[in-house]
Amino acid sequence: MTTDWFGGAMAGWSAADRAELTRLMEKLTDDVCAHLRAQRVIK
């Protein structure tokens, strides 16, 4: 998959939907990193 593929898949999304996806992806990333830190997998 490429950025072109994602751009095409989300072409019809509203700005609000794109912002929500960004917010959720950032939250997921933060939560996964926090979990891995707690497990001492990453520093």
PDB file of N, CA and C in Angstrom:
ATOM      1  N   MET A   1       0.834  -1.170   0.000  1.00  0.00           N
ATOM      2  CA  MET A   1       0.000   0.000   0.000  1.00  0.00           C
ATOM      3  C   MET A   1       0.886   1.243   0.000  1.00  0.00           C
ATOM      4  N   THR A   2       0.403   2.235  -0.627  1.00  0.00           N
ATOM      5  CA  THR A   2       1.157   3.479  -0.734  1.00  0.00           C
ATOM      6  C   THR A   2       0.299   4.641  -0.247  1.00  0.00           C
ATOM      7  N   THR A   3       0.927   5.804  -0.120  1.00  0.00           N
ATOM      8  CA  THR A   3       0.151   6.986   0.261  1.00  0.00           C
ATOM      9  C   THR A   3      -0.885   7.306  -0.805  1.00  0.00           C
ATOM     10  N   ASP A   4      -0.575   7.010  -2.067  1.00  0.00           N
ATOM     11  CA  ASP A   4      -1.567   7.227  -3.137  1.00  0.00           C
ATOM     12  C   ASP A   4      -2.795   6.340  -2.921  1.00  0.00           C
ATOM     13  N   TRP A   5      -2.552   5.115  -2.488  1.00  0.00           N
ATOM     14  CA  TRP A   5      -3.654   4.192  -2.247  1.00  0.00           C
ATOM     15  C   TRP A   5      -4.536   4.723  -1.125  1.00  0.00           C
ATOM     16  N   PHE A   6      -3.913   5.129  -0.016  1.00  0.00           N
ATOM     17  CA  PHE A   6      -4.691   5.663   1.098  1.00  0.00           C
ATOM     18  C   PHE A   6      -5.422   6.939   0.697  1.00  0.00           C
ATOM     19  N   GLY A   7      -4.746   7.799  -0.034  1.00  0.00           N
ATOM     20  CA  GLY A   7      -5.386   9.034  -0.501  1.00  0.00           C
ATOM     21  C   GLY A   7      -6.600   8.746  -1.353  1.00  0.00           C
ATOM     22  N   GLY A   8      -6.487   7.749  -2.222  1.00  0.00           N
ATOM     23  CA  GLY A   8      -7.612   7.364  -3.062  1.00  0.00           C
ATOM     24  C   GLY A   8      -8.748   6.772  -2.255  1.00  0.00           C
ATOM     25  N   ALA A   9      -8.408   5.959  -1.270  1.00  0.00           N
ATOM     26  CA  ALA A   9      -9.430   5.320  -0.440  1.00  0.00           C
ATOM     27  C   ALA A   9     -10.189   6.339   0.393  1.00  0.00           C
ATOM     28  N   MET A  10      -9.509   7.422   0.788  1.00  0.00           N
ATOM     29  CA  MET A  10     -10.130   8.419   1.648  1.00  0.00           C
ATOM     30  C   MET A  10     -10.531   9.683   0.888  1.00  0.00           C
ATOM     31  N   ALA A  11     -10.511   9.623  -0.422  1.00  0.00           N
ATOM     32  CA  ALA A  11     -10.786  10.816  -1.239  1.00  0.00           C
ATOM     33  C   ALA A  11     -12.144  11.432  -0.938  1.00  0.00           C
ATOM     34  N   GLY A  12     -13.117  10.624  -0.629  1.00  0.00           N
ATOM     35  CA  GLY A  12     -14.457  11.143  -0.364  1.00  0.00           C
ATOM     36  C   GLY A  12     -14.716  11.500   1.089  1.00  0.00           C
ATOM     37  N   TRP A  13     -13.701  11.341   1.938  1.00  0.00           N
ATOM     38  CA  TRP A  13     -13.876  11.630   3.360  1.00  0.00           C
ATOM     39  C   TRP A  13     -13.913  13.131   3.594  1.00  0.00           C
ATOM     40  N   SER A  14     -14.700  13.524   4.545  1.00  0.00           N
ATOM     41  CA  SER A  14     -14.745  14.935   4.932  1.00  0.00           C
ATOM     42  C   SER A  14     -13.490  15.286   5.738  1.00  0.00           C
ATOM     43  N   ALA A  15     -13.233  16.562   5.863  1.00  0.00           N
ATOM     44  CA  ALA A  15     -12.100  17.019   6.674  1.00  0.00           C
ATOM     45  C   ALA A  15     -12.270  16.553   8.121  1.00  0.00           C
ATOM     46  N   ALA A  16     -13.495  16.552   8.610  1.00  0.00           N
ATOM     47  CA  ALA A  16     -13.749  16.101   9.980  1.00  0.00           C
ATOM     48  C   ALA A  16     -13.421  14.622  10.150  1.00  0.00           C
ATOM     49  N   ASP A  17     -13.777  13.807   9.154  1.00  0.00           N
ATOM     50  CA  ASP A  17     -13.464  12.377   9.225  1.00  0.00           C
ATOM     51  C   ASP A  17     -11.953  12.144   9.188  1.00  0.00           C
ATOM     52  N   ARG A  18     -11.250  12.885   8.345  1.00  0.00           N
ATOM     53  CA  ARG A  18      -9.786  12.757   8.283  1.00  0.00           C
ATOM     54  C   ARG A  18      -9.155  13.178   9.603  1.00  0.00           C
ATOM     55  N   ALA A  19      -9.669  14.241  10.200  1.00  0.00           N
ATOM     56  CA  ALA A  19      -9.147  14.702  11.489  1.00  0.00           C
ATOM     57  C   ALA A  19      -9.397  13.659  12.573  1.00  0.00           C
ATOM     58  N   GLU A  20     -10.556  13.033  12.543  1.00  0.00           N
ATOM     59  CA  GLU A  20     -10.878  11.992  13.523  1.00  0.00           C
ATOM     60  C   GLU A  20      -9.954  10.794  13.355  1.00  0.00           C
ATOM     61  N   LEU A  21      -9.693  10.388  12.118  1.00  0.00           N
ATOM     62  CA  LEU A  21      -8.755   9.293  11.881  1.00  0.00           C
ATOM     63  C   LEU A  21      -7.372   9.655  12.417  1.00  0.00           C
ATOM     64  N   THR A  22      -6.926  10.865  12.170  1.00  0.00           N
ATOM     65  CA  THR A  22      -5.627  11.317  12.676  1.00  0.00           C
ATOM     66  C   THR A  22      -5.599  11.245  14.191  1.00  0.00           C
ATOM     67  N   ARG A  23      -6.644  11.733  14.834  1.00  0.00           N
ATOM     68  CA  ARG A  23      -6.713  11.718  16.304  1.00  0.00           C
ATOM     69  C   ARG A  23      -6.655  10.293  16.844  1.00  0.00           C
ATOM     70  N   LEU A  24      -7.413   9.402  16.226  1.00  0.00           N
ATOM     71  CA  LEU A  24      -7.447   8.014  16.691  1.00  0.00           C
ATOM     72  C   LEU A  24      -6.127   7.290  16.439  1.00  0.00           C
ATOM     73  N   MET A  25      -5.491   7.556  15.306  1.00  0.00           N
ATOM     74  CA  MET A  25      -4.191   6.928  15.021  1.00  0.00           C
ATOM     75  C   MET A  25      -3.130   7.414  16.007  1.00  0.00           C
ATOM     76  N   GLU A  26      -3.168   8.703  16.355  1.00  0.00           N
ATOM     77  CA  GLU A  26      -2.223   9.234  17.343  1.00  0.00           C
ATOM     78  C   GLU A  26      -2.468   8.598  18.707  1.00  0.00           C
ATOM     79  N   LYS A  27      -3.742   8.439  19.075  1.00  0.00           N
ATOM     80  CA  LYS A  27      -4.075   7.803  20.349  1.00  0.00           C
ATOM     81  C   LYS A  27      -3.604   6.358  20.362  1.00  0.00           C
ATOM     82  N   LEU A  28      -3.850   5.635  19.297  1.00  0.00           N
ATOM     83  CA  LEU A  28      -3.411   4.244  19.211  1.00  0.00           C
ATOM     84  C   LEU A  28      -1.892   4.155  19.346  1.00  0.00           C
ATOM     85  N   THR A  29      -1.179   5.012  18.632  1.00  0.00           N
ATOM     86  CA  THR A  29       0.279   5.013  18.697  1.00  0.00           C
ATOM     87  C   THR A  29       0.754   5.287  20.116  1.00  0.00           C
ATOM     88  N   ASP A  30       0.184   6.294  20.766  1.00  0.00           N
ATOM     89  CA  ASP A  30       0.559   6.623  22.139  1.00  0.00           C
ATOM     90  C   ASP A  30       0.278   5.460  23.082  1.00  0.00           C
ATOM     91  N   ASP A  31      -0.886   4.841  22.936  1.00  0.00           N
ATOM     92  CA  ASP A  31      -1.257   3.744  23.824  1.00  0.00           C
ATOM     93  C   ASP A  31      -0.381   2.514  23.606  1.00  0.00           C
ATOM     94  N   VAL A  32      -0.066   2.195  22.369  1.00  0.00           N
ATOM     95  CA  VAL A  32       0.805   1.048  22.079  1.00  0.00           C
ATOM     96  C   VAL A  32       2.203   1.307  22.645  1.00  0.00           C
ATOM     97  N   CYS A  33       2.726   2.504  22.437  1.00  0.00           N
ATOM     98  CA  CYS A  33       4.061   2.834  22.965  1.00  0.00           C
ATOM     99  C   CYS A  33       4.073   2.767  24.484  1.00  0.00           C
ATOM    100  N   ALA A  34       3.034   3.290  25.126  1.00  0.00           N
ATOM    101  CA  ALA A  34       2.955   3.234  26.592  1.00  0.00           C
ATOM    102  C   ALA A  34       2.921   1.790  27.075  1.00  0.00           C
ATOM    103  N   HIS A  35       2.176   0.964  26.390  1.00  0.00           N
ATOM    104  CA  HIS A  35       2.100  -0.447  26.761  1.00  0.00           C
ATOM    105  C   HIS A  35       3.462  -1.129  26.589  1.00  0.00           C
ATOM    106  N   LEU A  36       4.132  -0.867  25.478  1.00  0.00           N
ATOM    107  CA  LEU A  36       5.435  -1.479  25.255  1.00  0.00           C
ATOM    108  C   LEU A  36       6.466  -0.977  26.257  1.00  0.00           C
ATOM    109  N   ARG A  37       6.391   0.297  26.628  1.00  0.00           N
ATOM    110  CA  ARG A  37       7.294   0.817  27.670  1.00  0.00           C
ATOM    111  C   ARG A  37       7.035   0.114  29.002  1.00  0.00           C
ATOM    112  N   ALA A  38       5.768  -0.065  29.346  1.00  0.00           N
ATOM    113  CA  ALA A  38       5.418  -0.736  30.599  1.00  0.00           C
ATOM    114  C   ALA A  38       5.910  -2.168  30.614  1.00  0.00           C
ATOM    115  N   GLN A  39       5.946  -2.781  29.460  1.00  0.00           N
ATOM    116  CA  GLN A  39       6.424  -4.153  29.344  1.00  0.00           C
ATOM    117  C   GLN A  39       7.953  -4.212  29.199  1.00  0.00           C
ATOM    118  N   ARG A  40       8.569  -3.016  29.179  1.00  0.00           N
ATOM    119  CA  ARG A  40      10.014  -2.859  29.008  1.00  0.00           C
ATOM    120  C   ARG A  40      10.515  -3.423  27.682  1.00  0.00           C
ATOM    121  N   VAL A  41       9.650  -3.340  26.675  1.00  0.00           N
ATOM    122  CA  VAL A  41      10.020  -3.752  25.326  1.00  0.00           C
ATOM    123  C   VAL A  41      10.778  -2.629  24.639  1.00  0.00           C
ATOM    124  N   ILE A  42      10.368  -1.372  24.904  1.00  0.00           N
ATOM    125  CA  ILE A  42      11.052  -0.205  24.358  1.00  0.00           C
ATOM    126  C   ILE A  42      11.337   0.764  25.492  1.00  0.00           C
ATOM    127  N   LYS A  43      12.272   1.683  25.246  1.00  0.00           N
ATOM    128  CA  LYS A  43      12.607   2.687  26.271  1.00  0.00           C
ATOM    129  C   LYS A  43      11.907   3.987  25.989  1.00  0.00           C
TER     130      LYS A  43
END
